[in-house]
Amino acid sequence: MSQFLGKAKNFVADKIAHVKKPQAEITDVDLKDVNRDSVTYNSRVNITNPYGYDLPICQLSYTFKSASRVIASGNMPDPGSIEGEQDDVAGSAGEGAVQYHGAHL
């Protein structure tokens, strides 16, 4: 019985490991303004939805790191839902100001 359960567990683990997952990739970042307090930028994020149904995206959070240190973080506005089995671009018109973490320029 334990061999059967072990085989079933391995089968399920193998199937789950190969399931496609939604992905997001930063394709463009344009710096608009840099000052002592913040950075203002436009960014484009390509989101891929491999599922056959719409995928709601409530919020995109980001963290900029350099040498394993967080230098800036924030949230992009809600881009809405990504249609099933489609790619979409979020943040193309949005701007955001981020606060620096740690030392200022």
Protein backbone atom coordinates (compact mmCIF):
# COMPACT_ATOMS: atom_id res chain seq x y z
CA MET A 1 0.00 0.00 0.00
CA SER A 2 2.81 2.44 0.85
CA GLN A 3 4.42 1.80 -2.56
CA PHE A 4 1.15 2.70 -4.29
CA LEU A 5 0.86 5.93 -2.27
CA GLY A 6 4.51 6.78 -3.06
CA LYS A 7 3.91 6.27 -6.81
CA ALA A 8 0.72 8.37 -6.66
CA LYS A 9 2.56 11.14 -4.81
CA ASN A 10 5.38 11.14 -7.39
CA PHE A 11 2.88 11.16 -10.28
CA VAL A 12 1.01 14.19 -8.88
CA ALA A 13 4.25 16.03 -8.07
CA ASP A 14 5.52 15.44 -11.62
CA LYS A 15 2.27 16.73 -13.18
CA ILE A 16 2.20 19.86 -10.99
CA ALA A 17 5.85 20.64 -11.75
CA HIS A 18 5.07 20.94 -15.48
CA VAL A 19 1.95 23.13 -15.21
CA LYS A 20 2.42 26.44 -17.01
CA LYS A 21 2.23 29.48 -14.76
CA PRO A 22 1.49 33.14 -15.43
CA GLN A 23 4.64 35.17 -16.02
CA ALA A 24 5.57 38.85 -15.98
CA GLU A 25 8.61 40.39 -17.62
CA ILE A 26 9.81 43.99 -17.55
CA THR A 27 10.33 44.98 -21.18
CA ASP A 28 11.08 48.71 -20.86
CA VAL A 29 11.86 51.31 -18.18
CA ASP A 30 12.18 55.01 -19.04
CA LEU A 31 13.49 57.37 -16.37
CA LYS A 32 11.60 60.68 -16.47
CA ASP A 33 13.07 62.46 -13.44
CA VAL A 34 15.68 61.69 -10.80
CA ASN A 35 16.08 63.89 -7.72
CA ARG A 36 17.19 63.57 -4.10
CA ASP A 37 13.83 62.24 -2.90
CA SER A 38 12.51 60.02 -5.65
CA VAL A 39 12.65 58.65 -9.19
CA THR A 40 9.80 59.08 -11.64
CA TYR A 41 9.62 56.57 -14.49
CA ASN A 42 7.41 54.85 -17.04
CA SER A 43 7.58 51.09 -17.28
CA ARG A 44 6.18 48.33 -19.46
CA VAL A 45 5.49 44.89 -18.04
CA ASN A 46 4.53 42.05 -20.39
CA ILE A 47 2.16 39.64 -18.60
CA THR A 48 1.52 36.19 -20.07
CA ASN A 49 -1.63 34.28 -19.06
CA PRO A 50 -1.41 30.59 -20.13
CA TYR A 51 -4.83 29.71 -18.69
CA GLY A 52 -8.04 29.44 -20.73
CA TYR A 53 -9.83 32.02 -18.57
CA ASP A 54 -9.29 35.65 -17.58
CA LEU A 55 -6.76 36.24 -14.84
CA PRO A 56 -7.53 39.17 -12.52
CA ILE A 57 -4.48 41.26 -11.63
CA CYS A 58 -5.18 43.34 -8.53
CA GLN A 59 -1.78 44.92 -7.99
CA LEU A 60 1.76 44.70 -9.31
CA SER A 61 4.43 45.18 -6.65
CA TYR A 62 8.07 45.72 -7.51
CA THR A 63 11.45 45.95 -5.81
CA PHE A 64 14.62 47.39 -7.34
CA LYS A 65 17.77 45.83 -5.91
CA SER A 66 21.46 46.49 -6.35
CA ALA A 67 24.09 44.21 -4.82
CA SER A 68 21.31 42.43 -2.87
CA ARG A 69 20.22 45.72 -1.26
CA VAL A 70 16.74 47.12 -1.80
CA ILE A 71 17.10 50.61 -3.24
CA ALA A 72 13.48 51.30 -4.20
CA SER A 73 10.08 49.60 -4.06
CA GLY A 74 6.45 50.39 -4.79
CA ASN A 75 3.21 49.36 -6.50
CA MET A 76 1.82 49.86 -9.99
CA PRO A 77 -1.89 50.68 -10.41
CA ASP A 78 -4.37 47.86 -11.03
CA PRO A 79 -4.03 46.85 -14.73
CA GLY A 80 -7.36 44.95 -14.72
CA SER A 81 -7.70 41.38 -15.99
CA ILE A 82 -5.53 39.60 -18.55
CA GLU A 83 -7.58 37.62 -21.07
CA GLY A 84 -7.18 33.86 -21.21
CA GLU A 85 -4.27 32.51 -23.28
CA GLN A 86 -3.09 36.06 -24.09
CA ASP A 87 -0.17 38.41 -23.49
CA ASP A 88 -0.86 41.93 -22.29
CA VAL A 89 1.20 44.99 -21.38
CA ALA A 90 0.64 46.77 -18.08
CA GLY A 91 1.91 50.11 -16.91
CA SER A 92 2.57 51.55 -20.37
CA ALA A 93 0.93 54.89 -19.51
CA GLY A 94 1.47 54.85 -15.76
CA GLU A 95 4.09 56.79 -13.88
CA GLY A 96 5.18 56.17 -10.35
CA ALA A 97 7.43 57.89 -7.90
CA VAL A 98 9.39 55.64 -5.58
CA GLN A 99 11.07 56.46 -2.32
CA TYR A 100 14.70 55.47 -1.93
CA HIS A 101 15.61 53.02 0.83
CA GLY A 102 18.75 53.80 2.74
CA ALA A 103 21.17 56.54 1.73
CA HIS A 104 20.10 59.40 -0.52
CA LEU A 105 21.94 60.48 -3.64
